[in-house]
């Protein structure tokens, strides 16, 4: 299991949202996390995801636990663009 933390940016590796970026907004248990894109930004809706279906990236944003999609979208705007 990769080390995960709230605010960590990930890429979904399985499912119909495969290849899309998402943000961890809560840790459910050892195997599952709650992620969001948010849908208006990346196309990933808020849902529970198996940690094994995520590729955890080195990037993260500073958000509180259970942050709303609006809060996540604002935090993503603070990231430097590539």
Protein backbone atom coordinates (compact mmCIF):
# COMPACT_ATOMS: atom_id res chain seq x y z
CA UNK A 1 0.00 0.00 0.00
CA UNK A 2 1.52 3.35 -0.99
CA UNK A 3 1.72 6.05 1.66
CA UNK A 4 -1.28 8.31 1.23
CA UNK A 5 -2.27 11.54 2.91
CA UNK A 6 -5.10 14.03 2.61
CA UNK A 7 -4.39 16.49 -0.20
CA UNK A 8 -2.20 14.03 -2.14
CA UNK A 9 -2.60 14.20 -5.91
CA UNK A 10 -3.11 10.82 -7.61
CA UNK A 11 -3.86 9.34 -11.03
CA UNK A 12 -6.57 6.70 -11.33
CA UNK A 13 -5.14 3.53 -12.90
CA UNK A 14 -8.35 1.55 -13.32
CA UNK A 15 -12.01 2.09 -14.12
CA UNK A 16 -13.76 4.43 -16.52
CA UNK A 17 -11.84 7.41 -15.08
CA UNK A 18 -8.48 5.74 -15.79
CA UNK A 19 -5.68 8.25 -16.44
CA UNK A 20 -7.44 11.18 -14.76
CA UNK A 21 -6.02 13.09 -11.82
CA UNK A 22 -7.77 13.28 -8.47
CA UNK A 23 -7.15 14.50 -4.91
CA UNK A 24 -7.48 12.44 -1.72
CA UNK A 25 -9.95 14.21 0.58
CA UNK A 26 -10.35 11.53 3.28
CA UNK A 27 -8.91 8.18 4.34
CA UNK A 28 -11.67 5.61 4.89
CA UNK A 29 -9.56 2.64 6.05
CA UNK A 30 -6.38 0.73 5.12
CA UNK A 31 -7.64 -0.07 1.62
CA UNK A 32 -9.93 2.80 0.65
CA UNK A 33 -9.76 6.58 0.30
CA UNK A 34 -12.28 9.23 -0.72
CA UNK A 35 -11.19 11.14 -3.82
CA UNK A 36 -12.51 13.96 -5.95
CA UNK A 37 -11.32 15.64 -9.14
CA UNK A 38 -13.45 17.70 -8.67
CA UNK A 39 -15.67 16.67 -11.56
CA UNK A 40 -15.84 20.21 -12.98
CA UNK A 41 -12.03 20.35 -13.17
CA UNK A 42 -10.74 16.85 -14.03
CA UNK A 43 -13.87 14.78 -14.61
CA UNK A 44 -13.47 12.59 -11.51
CA UNK A 45 -16.50 12.65 -9.25
CA UNK A 46 -16.25 12.26 -5.48
CA UNK A 47 -16.13 8.56 -4.66
CA UNK A 48 -14.52 5.86 -2.54
CA UNK A 49 -11.55 4.27 -4.35
CA UNK A 50 -9.31 1.30 -3.59
CA UNK A 51 -5.77 2.54 -2.91
CA UNK A 52 -4.47 -0.14 -5.28
CA UNK A 53 -6.29 1.63 -8.12
CA UNK A 54 -4.33 4.86 -7.64
CA UNK A 55 -0.86 5.99 -8.63
CA UNK A 56 0.19 8.41 -5.89
CA UNK A 57 2.18 11.40 -7.16
CA UNK A 58 4.71 13.52 -5.26
CA UNK A 59 2.50 16.61 -5.53
CA UNK A 60 -0.03 17.63 -2.89
CA UNK A 61 -2.29 20.54 -1.97
CA UNK A 62 -3.11 21.90 1.45
CA UNK A 63 -6.78 21.06 2.13
CA UNK A 64 -8.67 20.05 5.28
CA UNK A 65 -10.23 16.60 5.72
CA UNK A 66 -13.57 16.25 3.84
CA UNK A 67 -12.88 19.47 1.88
CA UNK A 68 -15.66 20.50 -0.50
CA UNK A 69 -15.18 20.35 -4.26
CA UNK A 70 -15.04 24.17 -4.32
CA UNK A 71 -12.23 24.19 -1.74
CA UNK A 72 -10.30 21.57 -3.73
CA UNK A 73 -10.73 23.54 -6.98
CA UNK A 74 -9.40 26.69 -5.27
CA UNK A 75 -6.41 24.77 -3.88
CA UNK A 76 -5.60 23.37 -7.32
CA UNK A 77 -5.41 26.91 -8.74
CA UNK A 78 -2.52 27.62 -6.34
CA UNK A 79 -0.37 24.87 -7.90
CA UNK A 80 2.29 26.06 -10.33
CA UNK A 81 1.47 25.18 -13.93
CA UNK A 82 3.87 23.14 -16.02
